[in-house]
Amino acid sequence: MLEEAKVEEWMSTPVESIRPNTLISDAHQIMKEKNIRRLPILDKHERLVGIVTIGDIREASPSDATTLSIWELNYLWAKLTVEKVMTTKVLTVHPQDSMLDAAQIMLEEKVSGLPVVNSDKQLVGILTESDVFRMLVKSRVKT
């Protein structure tokens, strides 16, 4: 079962996604509300152009050691879009890829999630650590 499992069988859908011009503050709010750690970023043709993680947002957040006033910080934060902090070289998998190959990529590249795209680079799902764990647990129960 494990050797035959495909990404499309275990990926999560639908996927919450945003546009490059989304404000970082809005992306952060979506992550908090949906309890997710990453947001794929799609262009107007629904193709994957980047990804932003909670870590990216934390890094973009102002430091406590800044000399800017709270008003200046809020002004800058209100203008910053995810396009400025997103990762554009996104590791992806395809629906027909094996779960073992996807899990190996996640382990080797130290990422906790992989967007799943079709041949047109359109987002069709996301594969997370939780999906891999779910597959392992369910396959153990079946054996």
N, C-alpha and C. Protein backbone atom coordinates (compact mmCIF):
# COMPACT_ATOMS: atom_id res chain seq x y z
N MET A 1 0.82 -1.20 0.00
CA MET A 1 0.00 0.00 0.00
C MET A 1 0.87 1.26 0.00
N LEU A 2 1.84 1.34 0.91
CA LEU A 2 2.67 2.54 1.00
C LEU A 2 3.41 2.82 -0.31
N GLU A 3 3.92 1.76 -0.94
CA GLU A 3 4.68 1.94 -2.17
C GLU A 3 3.80 2.44 -3.32
N GLU A 4 2.52 2.13 -3.27
CA GLU A 4 1.61 2.49 -4.35
C GLU A 4 0.85 3.78 -4.12
N ALA A 5 0.90 4.32 -2.93
CA ALA A 5 0.11 5.50 -2.58
C ALA A 5 0.52 6.71 -3.42
N LYS A 6 -0.46 7.42 -3.93
CA LYS A 6 -0.23 8.60 -4.75
C LYS A 6 -0.60 9.87 -3.97
N VAL A 7 0.06 10.94 -4.31
CA VAL A 7 -0.17 12.22 -3.65
C VAL A 7 -1.65 12.62 -3.72
N GLU A 8 -2.29 12.42 -4.87
CA GLU A 8 -3.68 12.85 -5.04
C GLU A 8 -4.64 12.16 -4.07
N GLU A 9 -4.26 10.98 -3.56
CA GLU A 9 -5.11 10.26 -2.63
C GLU A 9 -5.06 10.84 -1.22
N TRP A 10 -3.99 11.57 -0.90
CA TRP A 10 -3.77 12.02 0.48
C TRP A 10 -3.65 13.53 0.63
N MET A 11 -3.51 14.25 -0.46
CA MET A 11 -3.35 15.71 -0.37
C MET A 11 -4.61 16.36 0.20
N SER A 12 -4.42 17.54 0.74
CA SER A 12 -5.55 18.30 1.29
C SER A 12 -6.11 19.24 0.22
N THR A 13 -7.42 19.27 0.14
CA THR A 13 -8.13 20.19 -0.76
C THR A 13 -9.40 20.65 -0.05
N PRO A 14 -9.95 21.78 -0.34
CA PRO A 14 -9.36 22.84 -1.16
C PRO A 14 -8.23 23.53 -0.40
N VAL A 15 -7.46 24.31 -1.13
CA VAL A 15 -6.30 24.98 -0.55
C VAL A 15 -6.57 26.47 -0.45
N GLU A 16 -6.33 27.02 0.72
CA GLU A 16 -6.42 28.47 0.90
C GLU A 16 -5.23 29.08 0.16
N SER A 17 -5.47 30.07 -0.68
CA SER A 17 -4.39 30.72 -1.43
C SER A 17 -4.65 32.22 -1.49
N ILE A 18 -3.61 32.96 -1.87
CA ILE A 18 -3.70 34.42 -1.96
C ILE A 18 -3.01 34.89 -3.23
N ARG A 19 -3.13 36.19 -3.49
CA ARG A 19 -2.49 36.84 -4.65
C ARG A 19 -1.22 37.55 -4.19
N PRO A 20 -0.30 37.84 -5.11
CA PRO A 20 0.95 38.52 -4.74
C PRO A 20 0.75 39.89 -4.08
N ASN A 21 -0.33 40.56 -4.40
CA ASN A 21 -0.56 41.90 -3.84
C ASN A 21 -1.28 41.88 -2.49
N THR A 22 -1.45 40.70 -1.91
CA THR A 22 -2.08 40.59 -0.59
C THR A 22 -1.15 41.18 0.47
N LEU A 23 -1.71 41.97 1.35
CA LEU A 23 -0.91 42.54 2.43
C LEU A 23 -0.45 41.44 3.38
N ILE A 24 0.76 41.61 3.89
CA ILE A 24 1.29 40.63 4.84
C ILE A 24 0.37 40.52 6.06
N SER A 25 -0.16 41.63 6.50
CA SER A 25 -1.05 41.59 7.67
C SER A 25 -2.30 40.75 7.36
N ASP A 26 -2.81 40.82 6.14
CA ASP A 26 -3.97 40.01 5.76
C ASP A 26 -3.60 38.53 5.67
N ALA A 27 -2.43 38.24 5.11
CA ALA A 27 -1.96 36.85 5.02
C ALA A 27 -1.81 36.26 6.43
N HIS A 28 -1.24 37.05 7.33
CA HIS A 28 -1.07 36.59 8.70
C HIS A 28 -2.42 36.31 9.35
N GLN A 29 -3.39 37.17 9.12
CA GLN A 29 -4.73 36.98 9.68
C GLN A 29 -5.37 35.69 9.14
N ILE A 30 -5.22 35.44 7.84
CA ILE A 30 -5.77 34.21 7.24
C ILE A 30 -5.13 32.98 7.89
N MET A 31 -3.82 33.03 8.07
CA MET A 31 -3.12 31.89 8.68
C MET A 31 -3.63 31.64 10.10
N LYS A 32 -3.82 32.71 10.85
CA LYS A 32 -4.32 32.56 12.22
C LYS A 32 -5.74 31.99 12.23
N GLU A 33 -6.61 32.54 11.38
CA GLU A 33 -8.01 32.11 11.35
C GLU A 33 -8.16 30.66 10.88
N LYS A 34 -7.37 30.27 9.89
CA LYS A 34 -7.47 28.92 9.31
C LYS A 34 -6.54 27.91 9.97
N ASN A 35 -5.71 28.39 10.91
CA ASN A 35 -4.75 27.53 11.60
C ASN A 35 -3.84 26.79 10.60
N ILE A 36 -3.24 27.58 9.70
CA ILE A 36 -2.33 27.03 8.70
C ILE A 36 -0.99 27.76 8.78
N ARG A 37 0.05 27.13 8.25
CA ARG A 37 1.40 27.70 8.35
C ARG A 37 1.98 28.17 7.03
N ARG A 38 1.23 28.00 5.95
CA ARG A 38 1.73 28.41 4.64
C ARG A 38 0.57 28.78 3.74
N LEU A 39 0.83 29.72 2.83
CA LEU A 39 -0.18 30.12 1.85
C LEU A 39 0.45 30.15 0.47
N PRO A 40 -0.03 29.30 -0.43
CA PRO A 40 0.42 29.39 -1.82
C PRO A 40 -0.05 30.71 -2.43
N ILE A 41 0.75 31.24 -3.33
CA ILE A 41 0.43 32.51 -3.98
C ILE A 41 0.21 32.25 -5.46
N LEU A 42 -0.95 32.65 -5.95
CA LEU A 42 -1.36 32.38 -7.33
C LEU A 42 -1.46 33.66 -8.13
N ASP A 43 -1.13 33.55 -9.44
CA ASP A 43 -1.31 34.69 -10.33
C ASP A 43 -2.75 34.71 -10.83
N LYS A 44 -3.06 35.65 -11.73
CA LYS A 44 -4.44 35.80 -12.21
C LYS A 44 -4.92 34.60 -13.03
N HIS A 45 -3.97 33.75 -13.46
CA HIS A 45 -4.33 32.55 -14.22
C HIS A 45 -4.39 31.31 -13.31
N GLU A 46 -4.37 31.58 -11.99
CA GLU A 46 -4.43 30.52 -10.97
C GLU A 46 -3.19 29.62 -10.97
N ARG A 47 -2.08 30.12 -11.51
CA ARG A 47 -0.82 29.38 -11.49
C ARG A 47 -0.02 29.75 -10.26
N LEU A 48 0.67 28.78 -9.71
CA LEU A 48 1.50 28.98 -8.53
C LEU A 48 2.70 29.84 -8.89
N VAL A 49 2.87 30.95 -8.17
CA VAL A 49 4.02 31.84 -8.41
C VAL A 49 4.89 32.01 -7.16
N GLY A 50 4.42 31.48 -6.04
CA GLY A 50 5.20 31.60 -4.82
C GLY A 50 4.49 30.99 -3.64
N ILE A 51 5.15 31.07 -2.49
CA ILE A 51 4.54 30.60 -1.25
C ILE A 51 5.08 31.48 -0.13
N VAL A 52 4.25 31.73 0.85
CA VAL A 52 4.67 32.49 2.02
C VAL A 52 4.32 31.65 3.25
N THR A 53 5.27 31.58 4.17
CA THR A 53 5.08 30.80 5.38
C THR A 53 4.97 31.72 6.59
N ILE A 54 4.54 31.15 7.69
CA ILE A 54 4.47 31.93 8.92
C ILE A 54 5.87 32.41 9.30
N GLY A 55 6.89 31.64 8.98
CA GLY A 55 8.26 32.06 9.24
C GLY A 55 8.66 33.27 8.42
N ASP A 56 8.24 33.30 7.15
CA ASP A 56 8.52 34.46 6.30
C ASP A 56 7.89 35.72 6.89
N ILE A 57 6.68 35.56 7.39
CA ILE A 57 5.97 36.71 7.96
C ILE A 57 6.65 37.17 9.25
N ARG A 58 7.07 36.22 10.07
CA ARG A 58 7.78 36.59 11.30
C ARG A 58 9.07 37.35 10.98
N GLU A 59 9.80 36.88 9.97
CA GLU A 59 11.05 37.55 9.58
C GLU A 59 10.79 38.97 9.06
N ALA A 60 9.64 39.17 8.42
CA ALA A 60 9.31 40.49 7.88
C ALA A 60 8.76 41.43 8.94
N SER A 61 8.41 40.87 10.08
CA SER A 61 7.87 41.69 11.17
C SER A 61 8.96 42.58 11.75
N PRO A 62 8.59 43.76 12.18
CA PRO A 62 9.58 44.66 12.75
C PRO A 62 10.16 44.13 14.05
N SER A 63 11.41 44.39 14.25
CA SER A 63 12.11 43.99 15.47
C SER A 63 11.72 44.91 16.62
N ASP A 64 11.76 44.38 17.82
CA ASP A 64 11.51 45.21 19.00
C ASP A 64 12.60 46.26 19.17
N ALA A 65 13.75 46.03 18.55
CA ALA A 65 14.88 46.94 18.71
C ALA A 65 14.86 48.10 17.71
N THR A 66 13.80 48.22 16.93
CA THR A 66 13.73 49.27 15.92
C THR A 66 13.63 50.66 16.56
N THR A 67 14.10 51.65 15.80
CA THR A 67 14.00 53.03 16.28
C THR A 67 12.78 53.74 15.71
N LEU A 68 11.99 53.02 14.92
CA LEU A 68 10.78 53.62 14.36
C LEU A 68 9.69 53.70 15.41
N SER A 69 8.84 54.69 15.28
CA SER A 69 7.71 54.82 16.19
C SER A 69 6.64 53.79 15.82
N ILE A 70 5.71 53.57 16.72
CA ILE A 70 4.63 52.63 16.47
C ILE A 70 3.80 53.04 15.26
N TRP A 71 3.64 54.34 15.03
CA TRP A 71 2.87 54.83 13.88
C TRP A 71 3.61 54.56 12.58
N GLU A 72 4.93 54.76 12.61
CA GLU A 72 5.73 54.48 11.42
C GLU A 72 5.72 52.98 11.11
N LEU A 73 5.81 52.17 12.13
CA LEU A 73 5.77 50.72 11.95
C LEU A 73 4.44 50.28 11.36
N ASN A 74 3.36 50.78 11.92
CA ASN A 74 2.03 50.42 11.42
C ASN A 74 1.84 50.87 9.98
N TYR A 75 2.35 52.03 9.64
CA TYR A 75 2.24 52.54 8.28
C TYR A 75 2.99 51.61 7.31
N LEU A 76 4.21 51.26 7.65
CA LEU A 76 5.02 50.38 6.79
C LEU A 76 4.39 48.99 6.69
N TRP A 77 3.96 48.46 7.80
CA TRP A 77 3.36 47.12 7.84
C TRP A 77 2.08 47.09 6.99
N ALA A 78 1.32 48.19 7.00
CA ALA A 78 0.08 48.25 6.24
C ALA A 78 0.31 48.30 4.73
N LYS A 79 1.52 48.60 4.30
CA LYS A 79 1.82 48.70 2.87
C LYS A 79 2.56 47.49 2.32
N LEU A 80 3.11 46.64 3.17
CA LEU A 80 3.96 45.53 2.74
C LEU A 80 3.12 44.36 2.22
N THR A 81 3.43 43.91 1.00
CA THR A 81 2.70 42.79 0.39
C THR A 81 3.53 41.52 0.45
N VAL A 82 2.86 40.39 0.30
CA VAL A 82 3.55 39.10 0.36
C VAL A 82 4.53 38.94 -0.81
N GLU A 83 4.30 39.65 -1.88
CA GLU A 83 5.21 39.60 -3.03
C GLU A 83 6.64 39.93 -2.63
N LYS A 84 6.79 40.77 -1.61
CA LYS A 84 8.12 41.21 -1.17
C LYS A 84 8.84 40.15 -0.34
N VAL A 85 8.11 39.20 0.23
CA VAL A 85 8.74 38.22 1.12
C VAL A 85 8.51 36.77 0.71
N MET A 86 7.73 36.54 -0.34
CA MET A 86 7.41 35.16 -0.72
C MET A 86 8.62 34.45 -1.32
N THR A 87 8.59 33.14 -1.21
CA THR A 87 9.58 32.29 -1.88
C THR A 87 9.05 32.02 -3.27
N THR A 88 9.87 32.29 -4.29
CA THR A 88 9.42 32.10 -5.67
C THR A 88 9.88 30.77 -6.27
N LYS A 89 10.93 30.19 -5.73
CA LYS A 89 11.38 28.87 -6.20
C LYS A 89 10.75 27.82 -5.28
N VAL A 90 9.51 27.49 -5.60
CA VAL A 90 8.71 26.63 -4.74
C VAL A 90 8.89 25.16 -5.14
N LEU A 91 9.19 24.33 -4.15
CA LEU A 91 9.21 22.89 -4.38
C LEU A 91 7.77 22.43 -4.51
N THR A 92 7.48 21.64 -5.53
CA THR A 92 6.12 21.15 -5.75
C THR A 92 6.14 19.67 -6.07
N VAL A 93 4.97 19.07 -5.99
CA VAL A 93 4.76 17.70 -6.45
C VAL A 93 3.54 17.69 -7.35
N HIS A 94 3.37 16.58 -8.06
CA HIS A 94 2.21 16.40 -8.94
C HIS A 94 1.27 15.36 -8.34
N PRO A 95 0.02 15.39 -8.71
CA PRO A 95 -0.96 14.45 -8.13
C PRO A 95 -0.57 12.98 -8.28
N GLN A 96 0.08 12.63 -9.39
CA GLN A 96 0.42 11.23 -9.64
C GLN A 96 1.75 10.80 -9.03
N ASP A 97 2.48 11.74 -8.39
CA ASP A 97 3.74 11.38 -7.73
C ASP A 97 3.45 10.45 -6.56
N SER A 98 4.42 9.63 -6.22
CA SER A 98 4.24 8.72 -5.09
C SER A 98 4.38 9.47 -3.78
N MET A 99 3.65 9.01 -2.79
CA MET A 99 3.73 9.61 -1.46
C MET A 99 5.13 9.43 -0.87
N LEU A 100 5.76 8.30 -1.14
CA LEU A 100 7.10 8.08 -0.61
C LEU A 100 8.09 9.08 -1.19
N ASP A 101 7.99 9.36 -2.50
CA ASP A 101 8.87 10.35 -3.12
C ASP A 101 8.61 11.74 -2.52
N ALA A 102 7.34 12.08 -2.34
CA ALA A 102 6.99 13.39 -1.77
C ALA A 102 7.52 13.51 -0.35
N ALA A 103 7.36 12.46 0.44
CA ALA A 103 7.84 12.48 1.83
C ALA A 103 9.36 12.60 1.86
N GLN A 104 10.04 11.97 0.92
CA GLN A 104 11.50 12.07 0.87
C GLN A 104 11.93 13.50 0.54
N ILE A 105 11.23 14.16 -0.37
CA ILE A 105 11.53 15.56 -0.70
C ILE A 105 11.35 16.42 0.54
N MET A 106 10.24 16.22 1.25
CA MET A 106 9.97 17.01 2.46
C MET A 106 11.07 16.82 3.49
N LEU A 107 11.51 15.59 3.66
CA LEU A 107 12.54 15.28 4.64
C LEU A 107 13.89 15.88 4.23
N GLU A 108 14.28 15.66 2.98
CA GLU A 108 15.58 16.14 2.51
C GLU A 108 15.66 17.67 2.45
N GLU A 109 14.57 18.30 2.05
CA GLU A 109 14.57 19.75 1.88
C GLU A 109 14.12 20.49 3.15
N LYS A 110 13.75 19.73 4.17
CA LYS A 110 13.33 20.30 5.45
C LYS A 110 12.15 21.26 5.29
N VAL A 111 11.14 20.80 4.56
CA VAL A 111 9.91 21.58 4.41
C VAL A 111 8.75 20.76 4.98
N SER A 112 7.76 21.45 5.49
CA SER A 112 6.64 20.76 6.13
C SER A 112 5.41 20.66 5.22
N GLY A 113 5.52 21.19 4.01
CA GLY A 113 4.41 21.11 3.08
C GLY A 113 4.85 21.35 1.65
N LEU A 114 4.14 20.73 0.73
CA LEU A 114 4.43 20.88 -0.69
C LEU A 114 3.15 21.17 -1.46
N PRO A 115 3.11 22.27 -2.20
CA PRO A 115 1.96 22.49 -3.07
C PRO A 115 1.90 21.39 -4.14
N VAL A 116 0.70 21.00 -4.48
CA VAL A 116 0.48 20.01 -5.53
C VAL A 116 -0.07 20.75 -6.75
N VAL A 117 0.65 20.64 -7.87
CA VAL A 117 0.26 21.37 -9.07
C VAL A 117 0.06 20.40 -10.23
N ASN A 118 -0.80 20.82 -11.18
CA ASN A 118 -0.99 20.03 -12.39
C ASN A 118 0.06 20.44 -13.43
N SER A 119 -0.05 19.93 -14.62
CA SER A 119 0.95 20.21 -15.66
C SER A 119 0.96 21.67 -16.09
N ASP A 120 -0.10 22.42 -15.80
CA ASP A 120 -0.16 23.86 -16.13
C ASP A 120 0.27 24.74 -14.96
N LYS A 121 0.87 24.13 -13.93
CA LYS A 121 1.30 24.83 -12.71
C LYS A 121 0.13 25.40 -11.91
N GLN A 122 -1.05 24.87 -12.14
CA GLN A 122 -2.22 25.30 -11.37
C GLN A 122 -2.29 24.48 -10.09
N LEU A 123 -2.58 25.15 -9.00
CA LEU A 123 -2.65 24.51 -7.69
C LEU A 123 -3.88 23.62 -7.60
N VAL A 124 -3.67 22.36 -7.25
CA VAL A 124 -4.79 21.43 -7.11
C VAL A 124 -4.89 20.85 -5.70
N GLY A 125 -3.90 21.11 -4.87
CA GLY A 125 -3.92 20.61 -3.50
C GLY A 125 -2.65 21.00 -2.78
N ILE A 126 -2.54 20.54 -1.54
CA ILE A 126 -1.31 20.74 -0.78
C ILE A 126 -1.08 19.47 0.04
N LEU A 127 0.17 19.08 0.13
CA LEU A 127 0.55 17.91 0.90
C LEU A 127 1.35 18.39 2.09
N THR A 128 0.89 18.07 3.29
CA THR A 128 1.56 18.52 4.51
C THR A 128 2.05 17.31 5.31
N GLU A 129 2.83 17.61 6.33
CA GLU A 129 3.29 16.55 7.24
C GLU A 129 2.10 15.78 7.79
N SER A 130 1.05 16.49 8.11
CA SER A 130 -0.15 15.83 8.66
C SER A 130 -0.73 14.81 7.69
N ASP A 131 -0.71 15.12 6.39
CA ASP A 131 -1.21 14.19 5.39
C ASP A 131 -0.34 12.93 5.34
N VAL A 132 0.98 13.11 5.44
CA VAL A 132 1.90 11.97 5.45
C VAL A 132 1.65 11.11 6.68
N PHE A 133 1.50 11.75 7.85
CA PHE A 133 1.23 11.00 9.08
C PHE A 133 -0.10 10.26 8.99
N ARG A 134 -1.10 10.92 8.42
CA ARG A 134 -2.42 10.29 8.27
C ARG A 134 -2.32 9.03 7.40
N MET A 135 -1.54 9.12 6.31
CA MET A 135 -1.35 7.97 5.43
C MET A 135 -0.68 6.83 6.19
N LEU A 136 0.37 7.14 6.96
CA LEU A 136 1.09 6.11 7.70
C LEU A 136 0.19 5.42 8.72
N VAL A 137 -0.57 6.21 9.45
CA VAL A 137 -1.45 5.63 10.47
C VAL A 137 -2.54 4.78 9.83
N LYS A 138 -3.18 5.28 8.78
CA LYS A 138 -4.26 4.53 8.12
C LYS A 138 -3.74 3.27 7.45
N SER A 139 -2.52 3.31 6.89
CA SER A 139 -1.98 2.12 6.25
C SER A 139 -1.61 1.07 7.29
N ARG A 140 -1.21 1.51 8.47
CA ARG A 140 -0.89 0.57 9.55
C ARG A 140 -2.15 -0.12 10.04
N VAL A 141 -3.23 0.62 10.13
CA VAL A 141 -4.51 0.06 10.59
C VAL A 141 -5.00 -1.00 9.61
N LYS A 142 -4.76 -0.81 8.31
CA LYS A 142 -5.25 -1.74 7.28
C LYS A 142 -4.43 -3.01 7.20
N THR A 143 -3.20 -2.99 7.72
CA THR A 143 -2.36 -4.19 7.61
C THR A 143 -2.58 -5.16 8.74
